[in-house]
């Protein structure tokens, strides 16, 4: 058998060089696009972090205003200090029993805050009970009073069927394995 030699002409080297240059060009373009996307993501991350830290700072300033009110109320009339705090609450705060609630809002984020008030002389005047960060549009929904709902239907996730929340029975409740404890 006769061996044949495969010979490449002068155009083959040029075609290979063109293919390598095109491949490197595509990789360069993809690298540039990836770098630009990374920069945009980093910028959004910085903006989000600044927004969240700004909310936290505003919440701490609101807490400082509330703390000043609680301190003054405790010194003036220790017996009726809760009523005095309720009358002097800073704007945007609401009080239920011994807890004070308020919200700090930025463009698209909201920080929901709550503190429990301690009686004068019982350690710190306020203790954080809620410090929850969420999307602002979540809080705009008005869910109303669920107790007064007559025809509110809820879909249980995973169950795939609607149940009437106002007419629900004990059979509709989710089972968390408490039956063993009740049997004992």
N, C-alpha and C. Protein backbone atom coordinates (compact mmCIF):
# COMPACT_ATOMS: atom_id res chain seq x y z
N UNK A 1 0.80 -1.17 0.00
CA UNK A 1 0.00 0.00 0.00
C UNK A 1 0.87 1.26 0.00
N UNK A 2 0.45 2.14 -0.77
CA UNK A 2 1.20 3.38 -0.95
C UNK A 2 0.66 4.42 0.04
N UNK A 3 1.56 5.07 0.76
CA UNK A 3 1.15 6.11 1.71
C UNK A 3 0.98 7.43 0.97
N UNK A 4 -0.14 8.06 1.29
CA UNK A 4 -0.38 9.36 0.68
C UNK A 4 -0.04 10.44 1.69
N UNK A 5 0.57 11.43 1.22
CA UNK A 5 0.88 12.58 2.06
C UNK A 5 -0.23 13.60 1.91
N UNK A 6 -0.60 14.11 3.04
CA UNK A 6 -1.60 15.19 3.00
C UNK A 6 -0.82 16.48 3.12
N UNK A 7 -1.01 17.30 2.20
CA UNK A 7 -0.28 18.56 2.20
C UNK A 7 -1.28 19.72 2.35
N UNK A 8 -0.86 20.63 3.16
CA UNK A 8 -1.67 21.84 3.34
C UNK A 8 -1.08 22.93 2.47
N UNK A 9 -1.96 23.61 1.82
CA UNK A 9 -1.51 24.70 0.97
C UNK A 9 -1.34 25.98 1.79
N UNK A 10 -0.90 27.01 1.13
CA UNK A 10 -0.67 28.28 1.84
C UNK A 10 -1.97 28.89 2.37
N UNK A 11 -3.12 28.53 1.86
CA UNK A 11 -4.39 29.09 2.35
C UNK A 11 -4.87 28.46 3.64
N UNK A 12 -4.42 27.25 3.94
CA UNK A 12 -4.87 26.54 5.16
C UNK A 12 -4.37 27.26 6.41
N UNK A 13 -3.16 27.70 6.41
CA UNK A 13 -2.62 28.42 7.58
C UNK A 13 -3.39 29.73 7.80
N UNK A 14 -3.75 30.38 6.72
CA UNK A 14 -4.51 31.63 6.84
C UNK A 14 -5.90 31.36 7.40
N UNK A 15 -6.54 30.27 6.94
CA UNK A 15 -7.88 29.92 7.47
C UNK A 15 -7.81 29.60 8.97
N UNK A 16 -6.79 28.86 9.38
CA UNK A 16 -6.64 28.55 10.81
C UNK A 16 -6.41 29.82 11.62
N UNK A 17 -5.58 30.71 11.12
CA UNK A 17 -5.32 31.96 11.81
C UNK A 17 -6.60 32.78 11.94
N UNK A 18 -7.40 32.82 10.89
CA UNK A 18 -8.67 33.56 10.93
C UNK A 18 -9.61 32.93 11.96
N UNK A 19 -9.69 31.60 12.00
CA UNK A 19 -10.56 30.92 12.97
C UNK A 19 -10.12 31.22 14.40
N UNK A 20 -8.83 31.20 14.67
CA UNK A 20 -8.32 31.49 16.02
C UNK A 20 -8.62 32.94 16.40
N UNK A 21 -8.42 33.87 15.50
CA UNK A 21 -8.68 35.28 15.78
C UNK A 21 -10.18 35.50 16.05
N UNK A 22 -11.04 34.86 15.27
CA UNK A 22 -12.49 34.98 15.51
C UNK A 22 -12.88 34.41 16.87
N UNK A 23 -12.33 33.26 17.21
CA UNK A 23 -12.63 32.65 18.51
C UNK A 23 -12.18 33.55 19.66
N UNK A 24 -10.98 34.11 19.55
CA UNK A 24 -10.49 35.02 20.60
C UNK A 24 -11.33 36.29 20.66
N UNK A 25 -11.78 36.77 19.52
CA UNK A 25 -12.63 37.97 19.49
C UNK A 25 -13.96 37.72 20.20
N UNK A 26 -14.55 36.56 19.93
CA UNK A 26 -15.82 36.22 20.59
C UNK A 26 -15.61 36.11 22.10
N UNK A 27 -14.53 35.46 22.53
CA UNK A 27 -14.24 35.35 23.97
C UNK A 27 -14.01 36.73 24.60
N UNK A 28 -13.36 37.63 23.87
CA UNK A 28 -13.13 38.98 24.38
C UNK A 28 -14.45 39.73 24.56
N UNK A 29 -15.32 39.62 23.57
CA UNK A 29 -16.62 40.29 23.67
C UNK A 29 -17.42 39.73 24.84
N UNK A 30 -17.44 38.41 24.99
CA UNK A 30 -18.17 37.79 26.11
C UNK A 30 -17.59 38.22 27.46
N UNK A 31 -16.28 38.35 27.54
CA UNK A 31 -15.64 38.81 28.78
C UNK A 31 -16.03 40.25 29.09
N UNK A 32 -16.07 41.09 28.06
CA UNK A 32 -16.45 42.50 28.26
C UNK A 32 -17.91 42.60 28.73
N UNK A 33 -18.80 41.82 28.13
CA UNK A 33 -20.21 41.83 28.53
C UNK A 33 -20.35 41.36 29.97
N UNK A 34 -19.63 40.31 30.33
CA UNK A 34 -19.68 39.79 31.70
C UNK A 34 -19.16 40.82 32.70
N UNK A 35 -18.08 41.50 32.34
CA UNK A 35 -17.51 42.53 33.23
C UNK A 35 -18.49 43.69 33.41
N UNK A 36 -19.16 44.10 32.34
CA UNK A 36 -20.13 45.19 32.43
C UNK A 36 -21.31 44.79 33.31
N UNK A 37 -21.80 43.54 33.16
CA UNK A 37 -22.90 43.06 34.00
C UNK A 37 -22.49 42.96 35.46
N UNK A 38 -21.25 42.53 35.72
CA UNK A 38 -20.76 42.47 37.09
C UNK A 38 -20.69 43.86 37.71
N UNK A 39 -20.26 44.84 36.92
CA UNK A 39 -20.19 46.21 37.42
C UNK A 39 -21.58 46.74 37.75
N UNK A 40 -22.55 46.46 36.88
CA UNK A 40 -23.93 46.92 37.13
C UNK A 40 -24.50 46.25 38.38
N UNK A 41 -24.25 44.96 38.56
CA UNK A 41 -24.72 44.26 39.74
C UNK A 41 -24.08 44.82 41.01
N UNK A 42 -22.79 45.10 40.94
CA UNK A 42 -22.10 45.69 42.09
C UNK A 42 -22.68 47.06 42.43
N UNK A 43 -22.97 47.85 41.42
CA UNK A 43 -23.55 49.18 41.65
C UNK A 43 -24.93 49.07 42.30
N UNK A 44 -25.76 48.13 41.80
CA UNK A 44 -27.09 47.93 42.42
C UNK A 44 -26.95 47.45 43.85
N UNK A 45 -25.96 46.60 44.09
CA UNK A 45 -25.73 46.10 45.45
C UNK A 45 -25.34 47.25 46.39
N UNK A 46 -24.49 48.14 45.92
CA UNK A 46 -24.09 49.30 46.73
C UNK A 46 -25.30 50.19 47.01
N UNK A 47 -26.11 50.45 46.00
CA UNK A 47 -27.29 51.30 46.18
C UNK A 47 -28.28 50.67 47.15
N UNK A 48 -28.49 49.37 47.02
CA UNK A 48 -29.41 48.67 47.93
C UNK A 48 -28.88 48.72 49.35
N UNK A 49 -27.60 48.47 49.51
CA UNK A 49 -26.99 48.50 50.85
C UNK A 49 -27.12 49.90 51.47
N UNK A 50 -26.88 50.93 50.69
CA UNK A 50 -27.01 52.30 51.20
C UNK A 50 -28.45 52.59 51.60
N UNK A 51 -29.40 52.13 50.81
CA UNK A 51 -30.81 52.33 51.11
C UNK A 51 -31.20 51.61 52.41
N UNK A 52 -30.76 50.37 52.56
CA UNK A 52 -31.09 49.60 53.76
C UNK A 52 -30.43 50.21 54.98
N UNK A 53 -29.15 50.58 54.87
CA UNK A 53 -28.48 51.20 56.01
C UNK A 53 -29.12 52.54 56.37
N UNK A 54 -29.60 53.26 55.36
CA UNK A 54 -30.32 54.51 55.63
C UNK A 54 -31.61 54.24 56.41
N UNK A 55 -32.33 53.16 56.05
CA UNK A 55 -33.53 52.79 56.80
C UNK A 55 -33.18 52.44 58.24
N UNK A 56 -32.11 51.67 58.43
CA UNK A 56 -31.70 51.30 59.78
C UNK A 56 -31.33 52.54 60.60
N UNK A 57 -30.64 53.49 59.97
CA UNK A 57 -30.26 54.72 60.67
C UNK A 57 -31.50 55.53 61.06
N UNK A 58 -32.47 55.61 60.13
CA UNK A 58 -33.71 56.33 60.46
C UNK A 58 -34.47 55.64 61.58
N UNK A 59 -34.47 54.32 61.59
CA UNK A 59 -35.14 53.57 62.66
C UNK A 59 -34.47 53.85 64.00
N UNK A 60 -33.15 53.93 64.01
CA UNK A 60 -32.44 54.22 65.26
C UNK A 60 -32.71 55.65 65.73
N UNK A 61 -32.82 56.60 64.79
CA UNK A 61 -33.16 57.97 65.18
C UNK A 61 -34.58 58.04 65.73
N UNK A 62 -35.50 57.30 65.13
CA UNK A 62 -36.87 57.25 65.65
C UNK A 62 -36.90 56.62 67.04
N UNK A 63 -36.10 55.57 67.22
CA UNK A 63 -36.01 54.94 68.54
C UNK A 63 -35.44 55.91 69.57
N UNK A 64 -34.48 56.72 69.17
CA UNK A 64 -33.91 57.72 70.09
C UNK A 64 -34.97 58.74 70.51
N UNK A 65 -35.80 59.18 69.55
CA UNK A 65 -36.89 60.10 69.89
C UNK A 65 -37.86 59.46 70.87
N UNK A 66 -38.21 58.20 70.60
CA UNK A 66 -39.12 57.48 71.49
C UNK A 66 -38.49 57.29 72.87
N UNK A 67 -37.20 56.97 72.90
CA UNK A 67 -36.51 56.77 74.17
C UNK A 67 -36.54 58.05 75.01
N UNK A 68 -36.38 59.19 74.36
CA UNK A 68 -36.44 60.46 75.09
C UNK A 68 -37.84 60.66 75.68
N UNK A 69 -38.88 60.31 74.94
CA UNK A 69 -40.25 60.43 75.43
C UNK A 69 -40.47 59.49 76.62
N UNK A 70 -39.99 58.26 76.50
CA UNK A 70 -40.17 57.27 77.58
C UNK A 70 -39.40 57.71 78.83
N UNK A 71 -38.21 58.23 78.66
CA UNK A 71 -37.41 58.69 79.81
C UNK A 71 -38.11 59.84 80.52
N UNK A 72 -38.62 60.81 79.74
CA UNK A 72 -39.30 61.95 80.36
C UNK A 72 -40.59 61.51 81.05
N UNK A 73 -41.34 60.59 80.44
CA UNK A 73 -42.59 60.13 81.04
C UNK A 73 -42.33 59.35 82.32
N UNK A 74 -41.26 58.58 82.37
CA UNK A 74 -40.94 57.80 83.56
C UNK A 74 -40.50 58.67 84.72
N UNK A 75 -39.85 59.80 84.43
CA UNK A 75 -39.40 60.70 85.49
C UNK A 75 -40.54 61.54 86.03
N UNK A 76 -41.43 62.00 85.14
CA UNK A 76 -42.51 62.90 85.56
C UNK A 76 -43.57 62.19 86.39
N UNK A 77 -44.06 61.04 85.91
CA UNK A 77 -45.15 60.36 86.59
C UNK A 77 -44.98 58.85 86.43
N UNK A 78 -44.20 58.23 87.32
CA UNK A 78 -43.93 56.80 87.16
C UNK A 78 -45.18 55.93 87.23
N UNK A 79 -46.22 56.36 87.91
CA UNK A 79 -47.43 55.55 88.03
C UNK A 79 -48.22 55.52 86.71
N UNK A 80 -48.24 56.59 85.99
CA UNK A 80 -49.01 56.69 84.74
C UNK A 80 -48.09 56.88 83.53
N UNK A 81 -46.93 56.26 83.55
CA UNK A 81 -45.95 56.51 82.50
C UNK A 81 -46.42 56.01 81.13
N UNK A 82 -47.16 54.90 81.07
CA UNK A 82 -47.63 54.41 79.77
C UNK A 82 -48.59 55.40 79.10
N UNK A 83 -49.48 55.96 79.89
CA UNK A 83 -50.42 56.94 79.35
C UNK A 83 -49.67 58.19 78.88
N UNK A 84 -48.67 58.60 79.65
CA UNK A 84 -47.88 59.78 79.26
C UNK A 84 -47.12 59.50 77.95
N UNK A 85 -46.60 58.29 77.79
CA UNK A 85 -45.90 57.94 76.54
C UNK A 85 -46.89 57.96 75.39
N UNK A 86 -48.08 57.38 75.60
CA UNK A 86 -49.10 57.32 74.55
C UNK A 86 -49.47 58.73 74.07
N UNK A 87 -49.56 59.67 74.97
CA UNK A 87 -49.95 61.04 74.61
C UNK A 87 -48.85 61.78 73.85
N UNK A 88 -47.58 61.41 74.09
CA UNK A 88 -46.46 62.14 73.49
C UNK A 88 -45.74 61.36 72.40
N UNK A 89 -46.32 60.31 71.89
CA UNK A 89 -45.65 59.50 70.87
C UNK A 89 -45.20 60.36 69.70
N UNK A 90 -43.98 60.13 69.21
CA UNK A 90 -43.54 60.85 68.01
C UNK A 90 -44.45 60.52 66.82
N UNK A 91 -44.46 61.40 65.85
CA UNK A 91 -45.32 61.24 64.67
C UNK A 91 -44.99 59.95 63.93
N UNK A 92 -46.03 59.25 63.50
CA UNK A 92 -45.86 58.03 62.74
C UNK A 92 -45.78 56.77 63.59
N UNK A 93 -45.85 56.91 64.89
CA UNK A 93 -45.79 55.74 65.76
C UNK A 93 -47.17 55.48 66.34
N UNK A 94 -47.43 54.20 66.61
CA UNK A 94 -48.67 53.82 67.27
C UNK A 94 -48.34 52.89 68.43
N UNK A 95 -49.20 52.89 69.42
CA UNK A 95 -48.92 52.12 70.63
C UNK A 95 -50.05 51.17 70.91
N UNK A 96 -49.71 49.92 71.19
CA UNK A 96 -50.67 48.91 71.61
C UNK A 96 -50.12 48.29 72.89
N UNK A 97 -50.85 48.44 73.98
CA UNK A 97 -50.40 47.97 75.30
C UNK A 97 -49.03 48.57 75.61
N UNK A 98 -48.01 47.75 75.77
CA UNK A 98 -46.68 48.28 76.09
C UNK A 98 -45.73 48.17 74.89
N UNK A 99 -46.28 48.06 73.68
CA UNK A 99 -45.45 48.00 72.48
C UNK A 99 -45.73 49.20 71.59
N UNK A 100 -44.68 49.68 70.97
CA UNK A 100 -44.77 50.81 70.04
C UNK A 100 -44.33 50.32 68.67
N UNK A 101 -45.12 50.63 67.64
CA UNK A 101 -44.87 50.20 66.27
C UNK A 101 -44.69 51.42 65.37
N UNK A 102 -43.81 51.30 64.39
CA UNK A 102 -43.66 52.33 63.35
C UNK A 102 -42.98 51.70 62.15
N UNK A 103 -43.02 52.44 61.04
CA UNK A 103 -42.43 51.97 59.79
C UNK A 103 -41.54 53.07 59.22
N UNK A 104 -40.43 52.64 58.69
CA UNK A 104 -39.53 53.53 57.96
C UNK A 104 -39.59 53.10 56.50
N UNK A 105 -39.78 54.06 55.59
CA UNK A 105 -39.96 53.72 54.19
C UNK A 105 -38.95 54.44 53.32
N UNK A 106 -38.41 53.70 52.35
CA UNK A 106 -37.54 54.27 51.32
C UNK A 106 -38.27 54.07 49.99
N UNK A 107 -37.55 54.21 48.89
CA UNK A 107 -38.20 54.11 47.58
C UNK A 107 -38.96 52.80 47.40
N UNK A 108 -38.28 51.68 47.52
CA UNK A 108 -38.95 50.41 47.28
C UNK A 108 -38.75 49.42 48.43
N UNK A 109 -38.36 49.90 49.57
CA UNK A 109 -38.17 49.05 50.74
C UNK A 109 -38.85 49.68 51.94
N UNK A 110 -39.23 48.81 52.88
CA UNK A 110 -39.82 49.29 54.10
C UNK A 110 -39.25 48.49 55.27
N UNK A 111 -38.99 49.19 56.36
CA UNK A 111 -38.51 48.56 57.58
C UNK A 111 -39.61 48.69 58.62
N UNK A 112 -40.15 47.55 59.03
CA UNK A 112 -41.20 47.54 60.04
C UNK A 112 -40.53 47.36 61.40
N UNK A 113 -40.83 48.25 62.33
CA UNK A 113 -40.15 48.26 63.63
C UNK A 113 -41.16 48.19 64.77
N UNK A 114 -40.75 47.56 65.86
CA UNK A 114 -41.55 47.52 67.07
C UNK A 114 -40.61 47.35 68.26
N UNK A 115 -40.95 48.02 69.34
CA UNK A 115 -40.21 47.87 70.59
C UNK A 115 -41.19 47.68 71.73
N UNK A 116 -40.75 46.94 72.73
CA UNK A 116 -41.53 46.77 73.96
C UNK A 116 -40.96 47.75 74.97
N UNK A 117 -41.85 48.42 75.68
CA UNK A 117 -41.44 49.39 76.68
C UNK A 117 -41.35 48.70 78.04
N UNK A 118 -40.26 48.93 78.73
CA UNK A 118 -40.12 48.42 80.09
C UNK A 118 -40.50 49.52 81.06
N UNK A 119 -41.02 49.12 82.21
CA UNK A 119 -41.39 50.08 83.25
C UNK A 119 -40.14 50.83 83.71
N UNK A 120 -40.31 52.05 84.18
CA UNK A 120 -39.16 52.83 84.66
C UNK A 120 -38.38 52.05 85.71
N UNK A 121 -37.07 51.99 85.53
CA UNK A 121 -36.20 51.32 86.48
C UNK A 121 -36.02 49.83 86.21
N UNK A 122 -36.63 49.28 85.18
CA UNK A 122 -36.52 47.85 84.87
C UNK A 122 -35.58 47.61 83.69
N UNK A 123 -34.33 47.90 83.86
CA UNK A 123 -33.37 47.64 82.78
C UNK A 123 -33.49 48.65 81.66
N UNK A 124 -33.25 48.22 80.43
CA UNK A 124 -33.35 49.16 79.31
C UNK A 124 -34.80 49.62 79.13
N UNK A 125 -34.97 50.88 78.72
CA UNK A 125 -36.33 51.41 78.57
C UNK A 125 -37.07 50.76 77.42
N UNK A 126 -36.35 50.38 76.36
CA UNK A 126 -36.99 49.76 75.20
C UNK A 126 -36.21 48.52 74.78
N UNK A 127 -36.94 47.54 74.25
CA UNK A 127 -36.33 46.31 73.74
C UNK A 127 -36.93 46.03 72.37
N UNK A 128 -36.07 45.84 71.36
CA UNK A 128 -36.55 45.55 70.01
C UNK A 128 -37.34 44.25 70.02
N UNK A 129 -38.52 44.27 69.42
CA UNK A 129 -39.31 43.05 69.24
C UNK A 129 -39.54 42.75 67.77
N UNK A 130 -39.41 43.76 66.91
CA UNK A 130 -39.60 43.56 65.48
C UNK A 130 -38.71 44.52 64.72
N UNK A 131 -37.97 43.97 63.77
CA UNK A 131 -37.07 44.77 62.94
C UNK A 131 -37.01 44.04 61.61
N UNK A 132 -38.08 44.18 60.80
CA UNK A 132 -38.25 43.37 59.59
C UNK A 132 -38.16 44.23 58.35
N UNK A 133 -37.30 43.81 57.45
CA UNK A 133 -37.10 44.52 56.19
C UNK A 133 -37.88 43.81 55.10
N UNK A 134 -38.61 44.57 54.31
CA UNK A 134 -39.40 43.97 53.23
C UNK A 134 -39.55 44.93 52.07
N UNK A 135 -40.23 44.44 51.06
CA UNK A 135 -40.53 45.26 49.89
C UNK A 135 -41.69 46.18 50.23
N UNK A 136 -41.65 47.40 49.77
CA UNK A 136 -42.68 48.39 50.12
C UNK A 136 -44.04 48.01 49.56
N UNK A 137 -44.10 47.43 48.37
CA UNK A 137 -45.41 47.15 47.78
C UNK A 137 -46.14 46.02 48.50
N UNK A 138 -45.45 45.20 49.26
CA UNK A 138 -46.12 44.15 50.03
C UNK A 138 -47.05 44.78 51.05
N UNK A 139 -46.61 45.85 51.66
CA UNK A 139 -47.36 46.44 52.76
C UNK A 139 -48.52 47.30 52.28
N UNK A 140 -48.58 47.61 50.98
CA UNK A 140 -49.67 48.44 50.48
C UNK A 140 -50.97 47.67 50.33
N UNK A 141 -50.94 46.35 50.34
CA UNK A 141 -52.16 45.56 50.22
C UNK A 141 -53.00 45.72 51.47
N UNK A 142 -54.29 45.91 51.29
CA UNK A 142 -55.19 46.03 52.42
C UNK A 142 -55.93 44.70 52.56
N UNK A 143 -55.52 43.93 53.54
CA UNK A 143 -56.13 42.62 53.72
C UNK A 143 -57.39 42.70 54.56
N UNK A 144 -57.67 43.84 55.15
CA UNK A 144 -58.89 44.01 55.93
C UNK A 144 -58.87 43.18 57.20
N UNK A 145 -60.02 43.05 57.79
CA UNK A 145 -60.16 42.29 59.02
C UNK A 145 -60.61 40.89 58.66
N UNK A 146 -59.77 39.90 58.86
CA UNK A 146 -60.09 38.52 58.48
C UNK A 146 -61.24 37.97 59.31
N UNK A 147 -61.41 38.45 60.54
CA UNK A 147 -62.48 37.95 61.40
C UNK A 147 -63.86 38.31 60.85
N UNK A 148 -63.95 39.45 60.16
CA UNK A 148 -65.24 39.90 59.65
C UNK A 148 -65.51 39.42 58.23
N UNK A 149 -64.58 38.69 57.64
CA UNK A 149 -64.74 38.25 56.24
C UNK A 149 -65.80 37.16 56.16
N UNK A 150 -66.72 37.32 55.21
CA UNK A 150 -67.76 36.33 55.02
C UNK A 150 -67.43 35.37 53.88
N UNK A 151 -66.94 35.92 52.81
CA UNK A 151 -66.75 35.10 51.62
C UNK A 151 -65.31 35.11 51.15
N UNK A 152 -64.38 35.23 52.05
CA UNK A 152 -62.97 35.23 51.68
C UNK A 152 -62.53 33.80 51.42
N UNK A 153 -61.99 33.56 50.24
CA UNK A 153 -61.49 32.23 49.93
C UNK A 153 -59.98 32.25 49.94
N UNK A 154 -59.42 31.21 50.52
CA UNK A 154 -57.98 31.10 50.58
C UNK A 154 -57.56 29.83 49.86
N UNK A 155 -56.43 29.87 49.21
CA UNK A 155 -55.89 28.67 48.58
C UNK A 155 -54.72 28.22 49.43
N UNK A 156 -54.79 27.01 49.91
CA UNK A 156 -53.69 26.45 50.69
C UNK A 156 -52.63 26.00 49.71
N UNK A 157 -51.41 26.45 49.91
CA UNK A 157 -50.33 26.10 49.00
C UNK A 157 -50.10 24.61 49.08
N UNK A 158 -50.06 23.97 47.95
CA UNK A 158 -49.78 22.55 47.89
C UNK A 158 -51.04 21.72 47.94
N UNK A 159 -52.12 22.22 48.51
CA UNK A 159 -53.35 21.44 48.60
C UNK A 159 -54.10 21.47 47.28
N UNK A 160 -54.02 22.61 46.56
CA UNK A 160 -54.63 22.70 45.26
C UNK A 160 -56.13 22.90 45.29
N UNK A 161 -56.71 23.23 46.42
CA UNK A 161 -58.15 23.44 46.46
C UNK A 161 -58.45 24.67 47.31
N UNK A 162 -59.55 25.33 47.02
CA UNK A 162 -59.97 26.51 47.75
C UNK A 162 -60.84 26.09 48.93
N UNK A 163 -60.66 26.79 50.05
CA UNK A 163 -61.54 26.58 51.18
C UNK A 163 -62.07 27.93 51.64
N UNK A 164 -63.24 27.92 52.16
CA UNK A 164 -63.84 29.14 52.65
C UNK A 164 -63.29 29.40 54.05
N UNK A 165 -62.52 30.48 54.20
CA UNK A 165 -61.86 30.76 55.47
C UNK A 165 -62.88 31.03 56.58
N UNK A 166 -64.00 31.65 56.25
CA UNK A 166 -64.99 31.98 57.28
C UNK A 166 -65.75 30.75 57.75
N UNK A 167 -65.86 29.74 56.89
CA UNK A 167 -66.62 28.56 57.26
C UNK A 167 -65.73 27.34 57.42
N UNK A 168 -64.43 27.54 57.64
CA UNK A 168 -63.50 26.42 57.78
C UNK A 168 -63.80 25.61 59.02
N UNK A 169 -63.47 24.34 58.97
CA UNK A 169 -63.68 23.46 60.11
C UNK A 169 -62.34 22.99 60.63
N UNK A 170 -62.38 22.23 61.71
CA UNK A 170 -61.14 21.71 62.25
C UNK A 170 -60.48 20.75 61.28
N UNK A 171 -61.25 20.11 60.41
CA UNK A 171 -60.69 19.19 59.43
C UNK A 171 -59.81 19.92 58.43
N UNK A 172 -60.04 21.24 58.24
CA UNK A 172 -59.25 22.02 57.30
C UNK A 172 -57.89 22.39 57.87
N UNK A 173 -57.71 22.27 59.17
CA UNK A 173 -56.47 22.69 59.81
C UNK A 173 -55.32 21.79 59.37
N UNK A 174 -54.14 22.35 59.35
CA UNK A 174 -52.97 21.57 59.00
C UNK A 174 -52.55 20.72 60.18
N UNK A 175 -52.09 19.50 59.94
CA UNK A 175 -51.67 18.59 60.99
C UNK A 175 -50.17 18.74 61.19
N UNK A 176 -49.78 19.12 62.40
CA UNK A 176 -48.37 19.28 62.71
C UNK A 176 -47.87 18.21 63.67
N UNK A 177 -48.59 17.12 63.80
CA UNK A 177 -48.14 16.02 64.64
C UNK A 177 -48.43 16.21 66.10
N UNK A 178 -49.37 17.05 66.47
CA UNK A 178 -49.70 17.29 67.87
C UNK A 178 -50.61 16.22 68.42
N UNK A 179 -51.09 15.29 67.58
CA UNK A 179 -52.01 14.26 68.04
C UNK A 179 -51.38 13.36 69.07
N UNK A 180 -50.08 13.07 68.94
CA UNK A 180 -49.39 12.20 69.88
C UNK A 180 -49.34 12.85 71.26
N UNK A 181 -49.12 14.16 71.31
CA UNK A 181 -49.06 14.86 72.59
C UNK A 181 -50.44 14.88 73.26
N UNK A 182 -51.50 15.03 72.43
CA UNK A 182 -52.86 15.07 72.99
C UNK A 182 -53.27 13.71 73.54
N UNK A 183 -52.76 12.62 72.94
CA UNK A 183 -53.12 11.27 73.37
C UNK A 183 -52.54 10.95 74.73
N UNK A 184 -51.43 11.54 75.08
CA UNK A 184 -50.77 11.24 76.35
C UNK A 184 -51.47 11.84 77.49
